[in-house]
Amino acid sequence: MDEQERYQRAKRRVESLRGFYRHLTVFVLVNAGLIALNLLSSRHGLWWPWATFGWGIGLAAHAANVFVFPDFLSPEWEERKIKEIMERNSAPPKP
């Protein structure tokens, strides 16, 4: 892997991390607002946990994609699959 490829891979990783941290920040700020709105408008009917839970599932999936499975469906994965399929299709047919 040459220097340019390493740079591009690192750049994509940083963009991925930045995207997750933005998502996390928006999640915290919006949900803090939803909690305040819910508690100020009606203390008897708490609906904010449902919104937070639903969005939390999406945030957890985003975190898993960034931190646990960073290569899942990445450009590198695409290149490997393309090469794999091309090699498979160029092999002579089995009798």
C-alpha atoms as a PDB file:
ATOM      1  CA  MET A   1       0.000   0.000   0.000  1.00  0.00           C
ATOM      2  CA  ASP A   2       1.554   3.279  -1.070  1.00  0.00           C
ATOM      3  CA  GLU A   3       1.459   6.575   0.821  1.00  0.00           C
ATOM      4  CA  GLN A   4      -1.472   7.971  -1.196  1.00  0.00           C
ATOM      5  CA  GLU A   5      -3.627   4.900  -0.492  1.00  0.00           C
ATOM      6  CA  ARG A   6      -2.766   5.056   3.212  1.00  0.00           C
ATOM      7  CA  TYR A   7      -3.702   8.736   3.268  1.00  0.00           C
ATOM      8  CA  GLN A   8      -7.040   8.122   1.519  1.00  0.00           C
ATOM      9  CA  ARG A   9      -7.872   5.278   3.889  1.00  0.00           C
ATOM     10  CA  ALA A  10      -7.013   7.396   6.944  1.00  0.00           C
ATOM     11  CA  LYS A  11      -9.050  10.281   5.537  1.00  0.00           C
ATOM     12  CA  ARG A  12     -12.119   8.046   5.083  1.00  0.00           C
ATOM     13  CA  ARG A  13     -11.674   6.763   8.645  1.00  0.00           C
ATOM     14  CA  VAL A  14     -11.547  10.298  10.042  1.00  0.00           C
ATOM     15  CA  GLU A  15     -14.660  11.243   8.038  1.00  0.00           C
ATOM     16  CA  SER A  16     -16.417   8.199   9.452  1.00  0.00           C
ATOM     17  CA  LEU A  17     -15.450   9.120  13.014  1.00  0.00           C
ATOM     18  CA  ARG A  18     -16.494  12.743  12.490  1.00  0.00           C
ATOM     19  CA  GLY A  19     -19.862  11.608  11.164  1.00  0.00           C
ATOM     20  CA  PHE A  20     -20.462   9.456  14.218  1.00  0.00           C
ATOM     21  CA  TYR A  21     -19.471  12.209  16.648  1.00  0.00           C
ATOM     22  CA  ARG A  22     -21.820  14.635  14.894  1.00  0.00           C
ATOM     23  CA  HIS A  23     -24.614  12.085  15.132  1.00  0.00           C
ATOM     24  CA  LEU A  24     -23.880  11.583  18.842  1.00  0.00           C
ATOM     25  CA  THR A  25     -23.857  15.333  19.509  1.00  0.00           C
ATOM     26  CA  VAL A  26     -27.170  15.870  17.737  1.00  0.00           C
ATOM     27  CA  PHE A  27     -28.629  12.867  19.566  1.00  0.00           C
ATOM     28  CA  VAL A  28     -27.678  14.282  22.975  1.00  0.00           C
ATOM     29  CA  LEU A  29     -28.836  17.834  22.235  1.00  0.00           C
ATOM     30  CA  VAL A  30     -32.146  16.909  20.617  1.00  0.00           C
ATOM     31  CA  ASN A  31     -33.002  14.330  23.257  1.00  0.00           C
ATOM     32  CA  ALA A  32     -32.191  16.792  26.045  1.00  0.00           C
ATOM     33  CA  GLY A  33     -34.655  19.150  24.387  1.00  0.00           C
ATOM     34  CA  LEU A  34     -37.269  16.416  24.033  1.00  0.00           C
ATOM     35  CA  ILE A  35     -36.934  15.499  27.707  1.00  0.00           C
ATOM     36  CA  ALA A  36     -37.314  19.140  28.739  1.00  0.00           C
ATOM     37  CA  LEU A  37     -40.296  19.619  26.431  1.00  0.00           C
ATOM     38  CA  ASN A  38     -41.992  16.473  27.711  1.00  0.00           C
ATOM     39  CA  LEU A  39     -41.435  17.298  31.394  1.00  0.00           C
ATOM     40  CA  LEU A  40     -42.526  20.918  31.001  1.00  0.00           C
ATOM     41  CA  SER A  41     -45.642  20.129  28.981  1.00  0.00           C
ATOM     42  CA  SER A  42     -46.925  16.948  30.628  1.00  0.00           C
ATOM     43  CA  ARG A  43     -45.389  15.072  33.534  1.00  0.00           C
ATOM     44  CA  HIS A  44     -48.089  12.394  33.464  1.00  0.00           C
ATOM     45  CA  GLY A  45     -47.437  11.080  29.982  1.00  0.00           C
ATOM     46  CA  LEU A  46     -43.774  10.371  29.400  1.00  0.00           C
ATOM     47  CA  TRP A  47     -43.166   9.836  25.702  1.00  0.00           C
ATOM     48  CA  TRP A  48     -39.516  10.922  25.459  1.00  0.00           C
ATOM     49  CA  PRO A  49     -38.083   7.465  26.337  1.00  0.00           C
ATOM     50  CA  TRP A  50     -39.696   6.008  23.209  1.00  0.00           C
ATOM     51  CA  ALA A  51     -38.145   8.628  20.960  1.00  0.00           C
ATOM     52  CA  THR A  52     -34.759   8.232  22.645  1.00  0.00           C
ATOM     53  CA  PHE A  53     -34.926   4.431  22.428  1.00  0.00           C
ATOM     54  CA  GLY A  54     -35.833   4.473  18.746  1.00  0.00           C
ATOM     55  CA  TRP A  55     -33.110   6.911  17.822  1.00  0.00           C
ATOM     56  CA  GLY A  56     -30.716   5.084  20.148  1.00  0.00           C
ATOM     57  CA  ILE A  57     -31.063   1.956  18.023  1.00  0.00           C
ATOM     58  CA  GLY A  58     -29.914   3.947  15.001  1.00  0.00           C
ATOM     59  CA  LEU A  59     -27.055   5.496  16.970  1.00  0.00           C
ATOM     60  CA  ALA A  60     -25.956   2.049  18.197  1.00  0.00           C
ATOM     61  CA  ALA A  61     -25.963   0.755  14.608  1.00  0.00           C
ATOM     62  CA  HIS A  62     -23.895   3.752  13.534  1.00  0.00           C
ATOM     63  CA  ALA A  63     -21.421   3.120  16.388  1.00  0.00           C
ATOM     64  CA  ALA A  64     -21.134  -0.552  15.443  1.00  0.00           C
ATOM     65  CA  ASN A  65     -20.455   0.417  11.837  1.00  0.00           C
ATOM     66  CA  VAL A  66     -17.713   2.859  12.865  1.00  0.00           C
ATOM     67  CA  PHE A  67     -16.037   1.043  15.769  1.00  0.00           C
ATOM     68  CA  VAL A  68     -16.862  -2.682  15.564  1.00  0.00           C
ATOM     69  CA  PHE A  69     -17.203  -3.363  11.817  1.00  0.00           C
ATOM     70  CA  PRO A  70     -15.348  -0.445  10.194  1.00  0.00           C
ATOM     71  CA  ASP A  71     -14.647  -2.355   6.955  1.00  0.00           C
ATOM     72  CA  PHE A  72     -18.224  -3.553   6.479  1.00  0.00           C
ATOM     73  CA  LEU A  73     -19.328  -2.342   3.035  1.00  0.00           C
ATOM     74  CA  SER A  74     -16.348   0.036   2.828  1.00  0.00           C
ATOM     75  CA  PRO A  75     -14.676   0.990  -0.475  1.00  0.00           C
ATOM     76  CA  GLU A  76     -11.953  -1.568   0.308  1.00  0.00           C
ATOM     77  CA  TRP A  77     -14.611  -4.254   0.779  1.00  0.00           C
ATOM     78  CA  GLU A  78     -16.132  -3.283  -2.578  1.00  0.00           C
ATOM     79  CA  GLU A  79     -12.755  -3.593  -4.304  1.00  0.00           C
ATOM     80  CA  ARG A  80     -12.121  -7.020  -2.755  1.00  0.00           C
ATOM     81  CA  LYS A  81     -15.565  -8.244  -3.843  1.00  0.00           C
ATOM     82  CA  ILE A  82     -15.107  -6.894  -7.380  1.00  0.00           C
ATOM     83  CA  LYS A  83     -11.768  -8.685  -7.699  1.00  0.00           C
ATOM     84  CA  GLU A  84     -13.242 -11.866  -6.225  1.00  0.00           C
ATOM     85  CA  ILE A  85     -16.165 -11.851  -8.651  1.00  0.00           C
ATOM     86  CA  MET A  86     -13.946 -11.034 -11.628  1.00  0.00           C
ATOM     87  CA  GLU A  87     -11.607 -13.909 -10.761  1.00  0.00           C
ATOM     88  CA  ARG A  88     -14.530 -16.271 -10.291  1.00  0.00           C
ATOM     89  CA  ASN A  89     -16.045 -15.251 -13.636  1.00  0.00           C
ATOM     90  CA  SER A  90     -12.764 -15.520 -15.513  1.00  0.00           C
ATOM     91  CA  ALA A  91     -12.065 -19.074 -14.352  1.00  0.00           C
ATOM     92  CA  PRO A  92     -12.729 -21.754 -16.971  1.00  0.00           C
ATOM     93  CA  PRO A  93     -16.048 -23.546 -16.486  1.00  0.00           C
ATOM     94  CA  LYS A  94     -15.922 -26.875 -14.690  1.00  0.00           C
ATOM     95  CA  PRO A  95     -16.874 -29.873 -16.855  1.00  0.00           C
END
